Amino acid sequence: MTPRRFNKDLAVRLDPELLAVLVCPLTRGPLRWDEAAGELISETAGLAYPVRDGVPVMLVEEARQLDP
């Protein structure tokens, strides 16, 4: 299965209330929404979780490692 890439032509918005309750599944720390990349960023874990079709994919296995 080929991983899906974020389509920058599609504006994805996350509900602020949803963002307020989501945490990194690895660290239980806060997440920052990167609208340009379509990802939820965990600075503490150094991971970026994808958002596909408006749904956050909160699996460590699916997260992208951030550059140091």
N, C-alpha and C. Protein backbone atom coordinates (compact mmCIF):
# COMPACT_ATOMS: atom_id res chain seq x y z
N MET A 1 0.83 -1.18 0.00
CA MET A 1 0.00 0.00 0.00
C MET A 1 0.88 1.24 0.00
N THR A 2 0.66 2.14 -0.91
CA THR A 2 1.43 3.37 -1.01
C THR A 2 0.91 4.40 -0.02
N PRO A 3 1.83 5.01 0.79
CA PRO A 3 1.34 6.01 1.73
C PRO A 3 0.79 7.22 1.00
N ARG A 4 -0.27 7.80 1.56
CA ARG A 4 -0.88 8.98 0.96
C ARG A 4 -0.12 10.21 1.39
N ARG A 5 0.05 11.12 0.49
CA ARG A 5 0.72 12.38 0.77
C ARG A 5 -0.31 13.48 0.94
N PHE A 6 0.05 14.48 1.71
CA PHE A 6 -0.82 15.62 1.94
C PHE A 6 -0.95 16.42 0.66
N ASN A 7 -2.16 16.71 0.26
CA ASN A 7 -2.42 17.52 -0.92
C ASN A 7 -2.55 18.97 -0.46
N LYS A 8 -1.57 19.78 -0.79
CA LYS A 8 -1.56 21.17 -0.33
C LYS A 8 -2.69 21.99 -0.94
N ASP A 9 -3.33 21.48 -1.98
CA ASP A 9 -4.45 22.19 -2.58
C ASP A 9 -5.73 22.04 -1.75
N LEU A 10 -5.74 21.04 -0.87
CA LEU A 10 -6.90 20.82 -0.01
C LEU A 10 -6.63 21.45 1.34
N ALA A 11 -7.45 22.40 1.71
CA ALA A 11 -7.28 23.04 3.01
C ALA A 11 -7.86 22.12 4.08
N VAL A 12 -7.03 21.70 4.99
CA VAL A 12 -7.46 20.85 6.08
C VAL A 12 -7.45 21.69 7.35
N ARG A 13 -8.55 21.69 8.04
CA ARG A 13 -8.64 22.43 9.29
C ARG A 13 -9.00 21.45 10.39
N LEU A 14 -8.38 21.66 11.53
CA LEU A 14 -8.73 20.84 12.68
C LEU A 14 -9.54 21.68 13.65
N ASP A 15 -10.53 21.06 14.21
CA ASP A 15 -11.37 21.71 15.21
C ASP A 15 -10.48 22.06 16.41
N PRO A 16 -10.49 23.32 16.85
CA PRO A 16 -9.66 23.70 18.00
C PRO A 16 -9.96 22.88 19.26
N GLU A 17 -11.20 22.47 19.42
CA GLU A 17 -11.55 21.64 20.58
C GLU A 17 -10.91 20.26 20.49
N LEU A 18 -10.85 19.72 19.29
CA LEU A 18 -10.19 18.43 19.08
C LEU A 18 -8.70 18.58 19.36
N LEU A 19 -8.10 19.61 18.83
CA LEU A 19 -6.66 19.84 19.04
C LEU A 19 -6.35 20.01 20.52
N ALA A 20 -7.26 20.60 21.27
CA ALA A 20 -7.04 20.82 22.71
C ALA A 20 -6.99 19.51 23.49
N VAL A 21 -7.65 18.46 23.02
CA VAL A 21 -7.68 17.20 23.76
C VAL A 21 -6.71 16.15 23.21
N LEU A 22 -6.22 16.33 21.99
CA LEU A 22 -5.27 15.37 21.43
C LEU A 22 -3.90 15.55 22.08
N VAL A 23 -3.24 14.44 22.35
CA VAL A 23 -1.88 14.46 22.87
C VAL A 23 -1.06 13.43 22.10
N CYS A 24 0.23 13.57 22.17
CA CYS A 24 1.13 12.60 21.54
C CYS A 24 0.95 11.26 22.25
N PRO A 25 0.71 10.18 21.51
CA PRO A 25 0.52 8.88 22.16
C PRO A 25 1.80 8.33 22.79
N LEU A 26 2.95 8.85 22.39
CA LEU A 26 4.22 8.37 22.93
C LEU A 26 4.58 9.09 24.23
N THR A 27 4.45 10.42 24.24
CA THR A 27 4.88 11.21 25.40
C THR A 27 3.73 11.75 26.23
N ARG A 28 2.53 11.70 25.70
CA ARG A 28 1.34 12.32 26.32
C ARG A 28 1.48 13.84 26.41
N GLY A 29 2.38 14.39 25.59
CA GLY A 29 2.60 15.83 25.56
C GLY A 29 1.72 16.51 24.52
N PRO A 30 1.74 17.84 24.50
CA PRO A 30 0.90 18.60 23.57
C PRO A 30 1.36 18.46 22.12
N LEU A 31 0.43 18.75 21.22
CA LEU A 31 0.71 18.72 19.79
C LEU A 31 0.49 20.11 19.20
N ARG A 32 1.26 20.40 18.18
CA ARG A 32 1.12 21.67 17.46
C ARG A 32 0.66 21.34 16.04
N TRP A 33 -0.34 22.06 15.55
CA TRP A 33 -0.88 21.85 14.20
C TRP A 33 -0.03 22.62 13.20
N ASP A 34 0.56 21.91 12.25
CA ASP A 34 1.30 22.52 11.15
C ASP A 34 0.41 22.44 9.93
N GLU A 35 -0.31 23.53 9.68
CA GLU A 35 -1.29 23.54 8.59
C GLU A 35 -0.63 23.37 7.23
N ALA A 36 0.54 23.98 7.04
CA ALA A 36 1.23 23.90 5.75
C ALA A 36 1.60 22.46 5.38
N ALA A 37 1.99 21.68 6.38
CA ALA A 37 2.40 20.28 6.12
C ALA A 37 1.25 19.30 6.33
N GLY A 38 0.17 19.75 6.99
CA GLY A 38 -0.94 18.85 7.27
C GLY A 38 -0.59 17.81 8.29
N GLU A 39 0.17 18.22 9.32
CA GLU A 39 0.64 17.28 10.32
C GLU A 39 0.46 17.86 11.72
N LEU A 40 0.35 16.96 12.68
CA LEU A 40 0.37 17.34 14.09
C LEU A 40 1.77 17.05 14.61
N ILE A 41 2.41 18.06 15.17
CA ILE A 41 3.81 17.97 15.57
C ILE A 41 3.92 17.76 17.07
N SER A 42 4.71 16.77 17.46
CA SER A 42 5.08 16.56 18.85
C SER A 42 6.54 16.96 18.97
N GLU A 43 6.79 18.15 19.51
CA GLU A 43 8.16 18.63 19.66
C GLU A 43 8.94 17.72 20.62
N THR A 44 8.28 17.27 21.68
CA THR A 44 8.93 16.44 22.68
C THR A 44 9.41 15.12 22.10
N ALA A 45 8.58 14.48 21.31
CA ALA A 45 8.92 13.17 20.72
C ALA A 45 9.71 13.31 19.43
N GLY A 46 9.67 14.51 18.82
CA GLY A 46 10.34 14.69 17.54
C GLY A 46 9.62 13.96 16.41
N LEU A 47 8.28 13.91 16.51
CA LEU A 47 7.48 13.20 15.52
C LEU A 47 6.41 14.10 14.93
N ALA A 48 6.04 13.79 13.69
CA ALA A 48 4.96 14.49 13.00
C ALA A 48 3.91 13.45 12.61
N TYR A 49 2.71 13.61 13.16
CA TYR A 49 1.61 12.69 12.89
C TYR A 49 0.79 13.21 11.71
N PRO A 50 0.52 12.37 10.72
CA PRO A 50 -0.23 12.84 9.55
C PRO A 50 -1.71 13.02 9.86
N VAL A 51 -2.34 13.87 9.07
CA VAL A 51 -3.79 14.03 9.11
C VAL A 51 -4.28 13.67 7.71
N ARG A 52 -5.08 12.62 7.63
CA ARG A 52 -5.56 12.13 6.34
C ARG A 52 -7.07 12.31 6.26
N ASP A 53 -7.50 13.01 5.24
CA ASP A 53 -8.93 13.29 5.04
C ASP A 53 -9.55 13.91 6.29
N GLY A 54 -8.77 14.77 6.96
CA GLY A 54 -9.26 15.46 8.14
C GLY A 54 -9.22 14.65 9.42
N VAL A 55 -8.67 13.43 9.35
CA VAL A 55 -8.62 12.55 10.52
C VAL A 55 -7.17 12.39 10.97
N PRO A 56 -6.85 12.79 12.21
CA PRO A 56 -5.49 12.60 12.72
C PRO A 56 -5.17 11.11 12.86
N VAL A 57 -4.02 10.72 12.37
CA VAL A 57 -3.56 9.33 12.48
C VAL A 57 -2.56 9.31 13.63
N MET A 58 -3.03 8.92 14.80
CA MET A 58 -2.23 9.01 16.02
C MET A 58 -1.53 7.69 16.34
N LEU A 59 -0.84 7.15 15.36
CA LEU A 59 -0.08 5.92 15.52
C LEU A 59 1.40 6.25 15.37
N VAL A 60 2.20 5.85 16.34
CA VAL A 60 3.64 6.12 16.29
C VAL A 60 4.24 5.52 15.02
N GLU A 61 3.73 4.37 14.61
CA GLU A 61 4.25 3.69 13.41
C GLU A 61 4.01 4.51 12.13
N GLU A 62 3.00 5.36 12.14
CA GLU A 62 2.67 6.18 10.97
C GLU A 62 3.32 7.57 11.01
N ALA A 63 3.91 7.92 12.15
CA ALA A 63 4.49 9.25 12.31
C ALA A 63 5.82 9.36 11.57
N ARG A 64 6.11 10.59 11.15
CA ARG A 64 7.36 10.90 10.48
C ARG A 64 8.32 11.48 11.50
N GLN A 65 9.58 11.00 11.46
CA GLN A 65 10.62 11.53 12.35
C GLN A 65 10.99 12.93 11.88
N LEU A 66 11.01 13.89 12.82
CA LEU A 66 11.40 15.26 12.48
C LEU A 66 12.91 15.37 12.36
N ASP A 67 13.36 16.25 11.50
CA ASP A 67 14.79 16.51 11.39
C ASP A 67 15.25 17.22 12.65
N PRO A 68 16.46 16.89 13.13
CA PRO A 68 16.95 17.53 14.36
C PRO A 68 17.15 19.03 14.22
